[in-house]
């Protein structure tokens, strides 16, 4: 059985689980160190997002008027 649990590894090597875990028996674990901080992760996500926006909206993308965006959807059920 594989279970993923988020943890932090302190500089002295102590592993601190960030959520409780219950095991039926003693188990082995593999620890993967993610060596970047939250600012690095945010920069990566922003870069990824920007790259995909560039792919989605190219220079030859047609301009849409505001009225075109407000067309009534005939399949929409008003409740």
PDB file of N, CA and C in Angstrom:
ATOM      1  N   UNK A   1       0.837  -1.176   0.000  1.00  0.00           N
ATOM      2  CA  UNK A   1       0.000   0.000   0.000  1.00  0.00           C
ATOM      3  C   UNK A   1       0.882   1.240   0.000  1.00  0.00           C
ATOM      4  N   UNK A   2       0.549   2.215  -0.874  1.00  0.00           N
ATOM      5  CA  UNK A   2       1.270   3.486  -0.916  1.00  0.00           C
ATOM      6  C   UNK A   2       0.373   4.589  -0.383  1.00  0.00           C
ATOM      7  N   UNK A   3       0.900   5.365   0.529  1.00  0.00           N
ATOM      8  CA  UNK A   3       0.178   6.501   1.085  1.00  0.00           C
ATOM      9  C   UNK A   3       1.121   7.684   1.087  1.00  0.00           C
ATOM     10  N   UNK A   4       0.647   8.811   0.596  1.00  0.00           N
ATOM     11  CA  UNK A   4       1.475  10.006   0.606  1.00  0.00           C
ATOM     12  C   UNK A   4       1.070  10.885   1.777  1.00  0.00           C
ATOM     13  N   UNK A   5       2.073  11.358   2.505  1.00  0.00           N
ATOM     14  CA  UNK A   5       1.851  12.221   3.655  1.00  0.00           C
ATOM     15  C   UNK A   5       2.843  13.370   3.557  1.00  0.00           C
ATOM     16  N   UNK A   6       2.335  14.587   3.669  1.00  0.00           N
ATOM     17  CA  UNK A   6       3.222  15.733   3.613  1.00  0.00           C
ATOM     18  C   UNK A   6       3.994  15.848   4.925  1.00  0.00           C
ATOM     19  N   UNK A   7       5.266  16.190   4.808  1.00  0.00           N
ATOM     20  CA  UNK A   7       6.120  16.310   5.988  1.00  0.00           C
ATOM     21  C   UNK A   7       7.156  17.394   5.760  1.00  0.00           C
ATOM     22  N   UNK A   8       7.790  17.799   6.830  1.00  0.00           N
ATOM     23  CA  UNK A   8       8.923  18.715   6.752  1.00  0.00           C
ATOM     24  C   UNK A   8      10.132  18.010   7.353  1.00  0.00           C
ATOM     25  N   UNK A   9      11.288  18.249   6.755  1.00  0.00           N
ATOM     26  CA  UNK A   9      12.530  17.697   7.284  1.00  0.00           C
ATOM     27  C   UNK A   9      13.335  18.855   7.852  1.00  0.00           C
ATOM     28  N   UNK A  10      13.607  18.785   9.143  1.00  0.00           N
ATOM     29  CA  UNK A  10      14.365  19.843   9.804  1.00  0.00           C
ATOM     30  C   UNK A  10      15.841  19.717   9.450  1.00  0.00           C
ATOM     31  N   UNK A  11      16.610  20.766   9.688  1.00  0.00           N
ATOM     32  CA  UNK A  11      18.027  20.763   9.318  1.00  0.00           C
ATOM     33  C   UNK A  11      18.818  19.669  10.022  1.00  0.00           C
ATOM     34  N   UNK A  12      18.336  19.207  11.169  1.00  0.00           N
ATOM     35  CA  UNK A  12      19.025  18.124  11.876  1.00  0.00           C
ATOM     36  C   UNK A  12      18.606  16.746  11.369  1.00  0.00           C
ATOM     37  N   UNK A  13      17.712  16.715  10.349  1.00  0.00           N
ATOM     38  CA  UNK A  13      17.285  15.445   9.766  1.00  0.00           C
ATOM     39  C   UNK A  13      15.995  14.884  10.333  1.00  0.00           C
ATOM     40  N   UNK A  14      15.454  15.515  11.361  1.00  0.00           N
ATOM     41  CA  UNK A  14      14.211  15.030  11.964  1.00  0.00           C
ATOM     42  C   UNK A  14      13.056  15.236  10.981  1.00  0.00           C
ATOM     43  N   UNK A  15      12.263  14.195  10.776  1.00  0.00           N
ATOM     44  CA  UNK A  15      11.106  14.257   9.882  1.00  0.00           C
ATOM     45  C   UNK A  15       9.860  14.527  10.726  1.00  0.00           C
ATOM     46  N   UNK A  16       9.138  15.584  10.376  1.00  0.00           N
ATOM     47  CA  UNK A  16       7.928  15.971  11.103  1.00  0.00           C
ATOM     48  C   UNK A  16       6.748  15.838  10.155  1.00  0.00           C
ATOM     49  N   UNK A  17       5.843  14.909  10.478  1.00  0.00           N
ATOM     50  CA  UNK A  17       4.653  14.735   9.649  1.00  0.00           C
ATOM     51  C   UNK A  17       3.719  15.916   9.849  1.00  0.00           C
ATOM     52  N   UNK A  18       3.104  16.397   8.756  1.00  0.00           N
ATOM     53  CA  UNK A  18       2.210  17.543   8.835  1.00  0.00           C
ATOM     54  C   UNK A  18       0.751  17.133   8.972  1.00  0.00           C
ATOM     55  N   UNK A  19       0.505  15.839   9.035  1.00  0.00           N
ATOM     56  CA  UNK A  19      -0.846  15.324   9.250  1.00  0.00           C
ATOM     57  C   UNK A  19      -0.741  13.995   9.994  1.00  0.00           C
ATOM     58  N   UNK A  20      -1.767  13.651  10.741  1.00  0.00           N
ATOM     59  CA  UNK A  20      -1.692  12.390  11.493  1.00  0.00           C
ATOM     60  C   UNK A  20      -1.750  11.180  10.567  1.00  0.00           C
ATOM     61  N   UNK A  21      -1.137  10.102  10.991  1.00  0.00           N
ATOM     62  CA  UNK A  21      -1.175   8.856  10.213  1.00  0.00           C
ATOM     63  C   UNK A  21      -1.368   7.689  11.183  1.00  0.00           C
ATOM     64  N   UNK A  22      -2.195   6.751  10.787  1.00  0.00           N
ATOM     65  CA  UNK A  22      -2.418   5.544  11.601  1.00  0.00           C
ATOM     66  C   UNK A  22      -2.001   4.342  10.764  1.00  0.00           C
ATOM     67  N   UNK A  23      -1.136   3.534  11.341  1.00  0.00           N
ATOM     68  CA  UNK A  23      -0.644   2.345  10.648  1.00  0.00           C
ATOM     69  C   UNK A  23      -0.999   1.110  11.459  1.00  0.00           C
ATOM     70  N   UNK A  24      -1.228   0.015  10.780  1.00  0.00           N
ATOM     71  CA  UNK A  24      -1.539  -1.242  11.462  1.00  0.00           C
ATOM     72  C   UNK A  24      -0.281  -1.955  11.934  1.00  0.00           C
ATOM     73  N   UNK A  25       0.856  -1.616  11.323  1.00  0.00           N
ATOM     74  CA  UNK A  25       2.125  -2.244  11.708  1.00  0.00           C
ATOM     75  C   UNK A  25       3.266  -1.294  11.364  1.00  0.00           C
ATOM     76  N   UNK A  26       4.452  -1.611  11.836  1.00  0.00           N
ATOM     77  CA  UNK A  26       5.637  -0.828  11.512  1.00  0.00           C
ATOM     78  C   UNK A  26       5.823  -0.847  10.002  1.00  0.00           C
ATOM     79  N   UNK A  27       6.105   0.304   9.408  1.00  0.00           N
ATOM     80  CA  UNK A  27       6.216   0.402   7.953  1.00  0.00           C
ATOM     81  C   UNK A  27       7.460   1.174   7.551  1.00  0.00           C
ATOM     82  N   UNK A  28       7.926   0.919   6.364  1.00  0.00           N
ATOM     83  CA  UNK A  28       9.053   1.654   5.796  1.00  0.00           C
ATOM     84  C   UNK A  28       8.511   2.853   5.043  1.00  0.00           C
ATOM     85  N   UNK A  29       9.362   3.844   4.816  1.00  0.00           N
ATOM     86  CA  UNK A  29       8.965   5.047   4.091  1.00  0.00           C
ATOM     87  C   UNK A  29      10.104   5.508   3.191  1.00  0.00           C
ATOM     88  N   UNK A  30       9.752   6.166   2.139  1.00  0.00           N
ATOM     89  CA  UNK A  30      10.732   6.814   1.258  1.00  0.00           C
ATOM     90  C   UNK A  30      10.499   8.312   1.392  1.00  0.00           C
ATOM     91  N   UNK A  31      11.539   9.066   1.655  1.00  0.00           N
ATOM     92  CA  UNK A  31      11.420  10.507   1.821  1.00  0.00           C
ATOM     93  C   UNK A  31      12.042  11.187   0.602  1.00  0.00           C
ATOM     94  N   UNK A  32      11.268  12.050  -0.038  1.00  0.00           N
ATOM     95  CA  UNK A  32      11.768  12.834  -1.171  1.00  0.00           C
ATOM     96  C   UNK A  32      11.894  14.278  -0.711  1.00  0.00           C
ATOM     97  N   UNK A  33      13.084  14.843  -0.826  1.00  0.00           N
ATOM     98  CA  UNK A  33      13.317  16.209  -0.398  1.00  0.00           C
ATOM     99  C   UNK A  33      12.986  17.149  -1.553  1.00  0.00           C
ATOM    100  N   UNK A  34      12.079  18.092  -1.300  1.00  0.00           N
ATOM    101  CA  UNK A  34      11.736  19.110  -2.284  1.00  0.00           C
ATOM    102  C   UNK A  34      12.507  20.355  -1.889  1.00  0.00           C
ATOM    103  N   UNK A  35      13.538  20.674  -2.660  1.00  0.00           N
ATOM    104  CA  UNK A  35      14.481  21.715  -2.256  1.00  0.00           C
ATOM    105  C   UNK A  35      14.157  23.071  -2.880  1.00  0.00           C
ATOM    106  N   UNK A  36      12.992  23.615  -2.589  1.00  0.00           N
ATOM    107  CA  UNK A  36      12.691  24.991  -2.950  1.00  0.00           C
ATOM    108  C   UNK A  36      11.640  25.522  -1.998  1.00  0.00           C
ATOM    109  N   UNK A  37      11.637  26.818  -1.842  1.00  0.00           N
ATOM    110  CA  UNK A  37      10.683  27.412  -0.905  1.00  0.00           C
ATOM    111  C   UNK A  37       9.396  27.799  -1.625  1.00  0.00           C
ATOM    112  N   UNK A  38       8.444  28.319  -0.879  1.00  0.00           N
ATOM    113  CA  UNK A  38       7.146  28.667  -1.455  1.00  0.00           C
ATOM    114  C   UNK A  38       7.264  29.743  -2.521  1.00  0.00           C
ATOM    115  N   UNK A  39       8.207  30.669  -2.362  1.00  0.00           N
ATOM    116  CA  UNK A  39       8.392  31.726  -3.367  1.00  0.00           C
ATOM    117  C   UNK A  39       8.843  31.114  -4.690  1.00  0.00           C
ATOM    118  N   UNK A  40       9.759  30.129  -4.622  1.00  0.00           N
ATOM    119  CA  UNK A  40      10.201  29.443  -5.838  1.00  0.00           C
ATOM    120  C   UNK A  40       9.029  28.721  -6.502  1.00  0.00           C
ATOM    121  N   UNK A  41       8.229  28.047  -5.692  1.00  0.00           N
ATOM    122  CA  UNK A  41       7.082  27.310  -6.231  1.00  0.00           C
ATOM    123  C   UNK A  41       6.107  28.274  -6.895  1.00  0.00           C
ATOM    124  N   UNK A  42       5.843  29.402  -6.270  1.00  0.00           N
ATOM    125  CA  UNK A  42       4.925  30.399  -6.842  1.00  0.00           C
ATOM    126  C   UNK A  42       5.462  30.912  -8.169  1.00  0.00           C
ATOM    127  N   UNK A  43       6.775  31.213  -8.236  1.00  0.00           N
ATOM    128  CA  UNK A  43       7.374  31.674  -9.491  1.00  0.00           C
ATOM    129  C   UNK A  43       7.233  30.629 -10.587  1.00  0.00           C
ATOM    130  N   UNK A  44       7.425  29.350 -10.233  1.00  0.00           N
ATOM    131  CA  UNK A  44       7.270  28.282 -11.223  1.00  0.00           C
ATOM    132  C   UNK A  44       5.851  28.221 -11.748  1.00  0.00           C
ATOM    133  N   UNK A  45       4.852  28.285 -10.860  1.00  0.00           N
ATOM    134  CA  UNK A  45       3.451  28.240 -11.288  1.00  0.00           C
ATOM    135  C   UNK A  45       3.104  29.455 -12.137  1.00  0.00           C
ATOM    136  N   UNK A  46       3.593  30.637 -11.754  1.00  0.00           N
ATOM    137  CA  UNK A  46       3.307  31.832 -12.543  1.00  0.00           C
ATOM    138  C   UNK A  46       3.931  31.724 -13.927  1.00  0.00           C
ATOM    139  N   UNK A  47       5.151  31.206 -14.010  1.00  0.00           N
ATOM    140  CA  UNK A  47       5.795  31.006 -15.308  1.00  0.00           C
ATOM    141  C   UNK A  47       5.049  30.005 -16.165  1.00  0.00           C
ATOM    142  N   UNK A  48       4.624  28.929 -15.546  1.00  0.00           N
ATOM    143  CA  UNK A  48       3.852  27.900 -16.252  1.00  0.00           C
ATOM    144  C   UNK A  48       2.542  28.489 -16.771  1.00  0.00           C
ATOM    145  N   UNK A  49       1.865  29.261 -15.931  1.00  0.00           N
ATOM    146  CA  UNK A  49       0.596  29.877 -16.320  1.00  0.00           C
ATOM    147  C   UNK A  49       0.789  30.844 -17.474  1.00  0.00           C
ATOM    148  N   UNK A  50       1.800  31.684 -17.379  1.00  0.00           N
ATOM    149  CA  UNK A  50       2.051  32.666 -18.432  1.00  0.00           C
ATOM    150  C   UNK A  50       2.366  31.985 -19.762  1.00  0.00           C
ATOM    151  N   UNK A  51       3.157  30.926 -19.719  1.00  0.00           N
ATOM    152  CA  UNK A  51       3.506  30.213 -20.953  1.00  0.00           C
ATOM    153  C   UNK A  51       2.262  29.614 -21.607  1.00  0.00           C
ATOM    154  N   UNK A  52       1.363  29.079 -20.792  1.00  0.00           N
ATOM    155  CA  UNK A  52       0.150  28.484 -21.352  1.00  0.00           C
ATOM    156  C   UNK A  52      -0.845  29.540 -21.824  1.00  0.00           C
ATOM    157  N   UNK A  53      -0.876  30.695 -21.176  1.00  0.00           N
ATOM    158  CA  UNK A  53      -1.713  31.790 -21.675  1.00  0.00           C
ATOM    159  C   UNK A  53      -1.202  32.268 -23.031  1.00  0.00           C
ATOM    160  N   UNK A  54       0.110  32.341 -23.181  1.00  0.00           N
ATOM    161  CA  UNK A  54       0.690  32.731 -24.470  1.00  0.00           C
ATOM    162  C   UNK A  54       0.284  31.753 -25.566  1.00  0.00           C
ATOM    163  N   UNK A  55       0.243  30.483 -25.231  1.00  0.00           N
ATOM    164  CA  UNK A  55      -0.172  29.477 -26.223  1.00  0.00           C
ATOM    165  C   UNK A  55      -1.652  29.594 -26.541  1.00  0.00           C
ATOM    166  N   UNK A  56      -2.463  29.928 -25.542  1.00  0.00           N
ATOM    167  CA  UNK A  56      -3.915  29.979 -25.728  1.00  0.00           C
ATOM    168  C   UNK A  56      -4.352  31.223 -26.496  1.00  0.00           C
ATOM    169  N   UNK A  57      -3.667  32.339 -26.285  1.00  0.00           N
ATOM    170  CA  UNK A  57      -4.049  33.607 -26.907  1.00  0.00           C
ATOM    171  C   UNK A  57      -2.892  34.120 -27.749  1.00  0.00           C
ATOM    172  N   UNK A  58      -2.869  33.727 -28.998  1.00  0.00           N
ATOM    173  CA  UNK A  58      -1.782  34.132 -29.882  1.00  0.00           C
ATOM    174  C   UNK A  58      -2.086  35.496 -30.496  1.00  0.00           C
ATOM    175  N   UNK A  59      -1.130  36.031 -31.258  1.00  0.00           N
ATOM    176  CA  UNK A  59      -1.288  37.349 -31.880  1.00  0.00           C
ATOM    177  C   UNK A  59      -2.416  37.371 -32.902  1.00  0.00           C
ATOM    178  N   UNK A  60      -2.716  36.222 -33.513  1.00  0.00           N
ATOM    179  CA  UNK A  60      -3.778  36.193 -34.525  1.00  0.00           C
ATOM    180  C   UNK A  60      -5.152  35.836 -33.938  1.00  0.00           C
ATOM    181  N   UNK A  61      -5.263  35.900 -32.616  1.00  0.00           N
ATOM    182  CA  UNK A  61      -6.540  35.638 -31.945  1.00  0.00           C
ATOM    183  C   UNK A  61      -7.510  36.772 -32.279  1.00  0.00           C
ATOM    184  N   UNK A  62      -8.738  36.462 -32.687  1.00  0.00           N
ATOM    185  CA  UNK A  62      -9.690  37.541 -33.014  1.00  0.00           C
ATOM    186  C   UNK A  62     -10.107  38.307 -31.759  1.00  0.00           C
ATOM    187  N   UNK A  63     -10.418  39.586 -31.945  1.00  0.00           N
ATOM    188  CA  UNK A  63     -10.932  40.390 -30.836  1.00  0.00           C
ATOM    189  C   UNK A  63     -12.423  40.139 -30.706  1.00  0.00           C
ATOM    190  N   UNK A  64     -12.899  40.042 -29.493  1.00  0.00           N
ATOM    191  CA  UNK A  64     -14.313  39.838 -29.230  1.00  0.00           C
ATOM    192  C   UNK A  64     -14.872  41.090 -28.569  1.00  0.00           C
ATOM    193  N   UNK A  65     -16.023  41.529 -29.049  1.00  0.00           N
ATOM    194  CA  UNK A  65     -16.652  42.689 -28.441  1.00  0.00           C
ATOM    195  C   UNK A  65     -17.354  42.271 -27.155  1.00  0.00           C
ATOM    196  N   UNK A  66     -17.655  43.235 -26.316  1.00  0.00           N
ATOM    197  CA  UNK A  66     -18.341  42.955 -25.068  1.00  0.00           C
ATOM    198  C   UNK A  66     -19.727  42.377 -25.336  1.00  0.00           C
ATOM    199  N   UNK A  67     -20.379  42.852 -26.376  1.00  0.00           N
ATOM    200  CA  UNK A  67     -21.720  42.322 -26.686  1.00  0.00           C
ATOM    201  C   UNK A  67     -21.642  40.865 -27.132  1.00  0.00           C
ATOM    202  N   UNK A  68     -20.569  40.494 -27.794  1.00  0.00           N
ATOM    203  CA  UNK A  68     -20.420  39.104 -28.221  1.00  0.00           C
ATOM    204  C   UNK A  68     -20.258  38.183 -27.013  1.00  0.00           C
ATOM    205  N   UNK A  69     -19.653  38.696 -25.968  1.00  0.00           N
ATOM    206  CA  UNK A  69     -19.461  37.887 -24.773  1.00  0.00           C
ATOM    207  C   UNK A  69     -20.733  37.770 -23.947  1.00  0.00           C
ATOM    208  N   UNK A  70     -21.711  38.624 -24.232  1.00  0.00           N
ATOM    209  CA  UNK A  70     -22.947  38.609 -23.460  1.00  0.00           C
ATOM    210  C   UNK A  70     -24.106  38.006 -24.243  1.00  0.00           C
ATOM    211  N   UNK A  71     -23.809  37.194 -25.220  1.00  0.00           N
ATOM    212  CA  UNK A  71     -24.874  36.530 -25.959  1.00  0.00           C
ATOM    213  C   UNK A  71     -25.622  35.580 -25.040  1.00  0.00           C
ATOM    214  N   UNK A  72     -26.923  35.492 -25.243  1.00  0.00           N
ATOM    215  CA  UNK A  72     -27.735  34.601 -24.427  1.00  0.00           C
ATOM    216  C   UNK A  72     -27.513  33.171 -24.897  1.00  0.00           C
ATOM    217  N   UNK A  73     -27.270  32.293 -23.964  1.00  0.00           N
ATOM    218  CA  UNK A  73     -27.102  30.878 -24.265  1.00  0.00           C
ATOM    219  C   UNK A  73     -28.493  30.251 -24.296  1.00  0.00           C
ATOM    220  N   UNK A  74     -28.949  29.796 -25.465  1.00  0.00           N
ATOM    221  CA  UNK A  74     -30.309  29.252 -25.547  1.00  0.00           C
ATOM    222  C   UNK A  74     -30.474  27.941 -24.773  1.00  0.00           C
ATOM    223  N   UNK A  75     -29.381  27.259 -24.466  1.00  0.00           N
ATOM    224  CA  UNK A  75     -29.457  25.989 -23.736  1.00  0.00           C
ATOM    225  C   UNK A  75     -29.433  26.183 -22.221  1.00  0.00           C
ATOM    226  N   UNK A  76     -29.254  27.421 -21.765  1.00  0.00           N
ATOM    227  CA  UNK A  76     -29.155  27.704 -20.330  1.00  0.00           C
ATOM    228  C   UNK A  76     -30.543  27.715 -19.709  1.00  0.00           C
ATOM    229  N   UNK A  77     -30.690  26.976 -18.621  1.00  0.00           N
ATOM    230  CA  UNK A  77     -31.974  26.938 -17.893  1.00  0.00           C
ATOM    231  C   UNK A  77     -31.916  27.968 -16.771  1.00  0.00           C
ATOM    232  N   UNK A  78     -32.822  28.910 -16.808  1.00  0.00           N
ATOM    233  CA  UNK A  78     -32.893  29.897 -15.714  1.00  0.00           C
ATOM    234  C   UNK A  78     -33.700  29.294 -14.583  1.00  0.00           C
ATOM    235  N   UNK A  79     -33.246  29.453 -13.369  1.00  0.00           N
ATOM    236  CA  UNK A  79     -33.946  28.889 -12.209  1.00  0.00           C
ATOM    237  C   UNK A  79     -34.314  29.963 -11.242  1.00  0.00           C
TER     238      UNK A  79
END
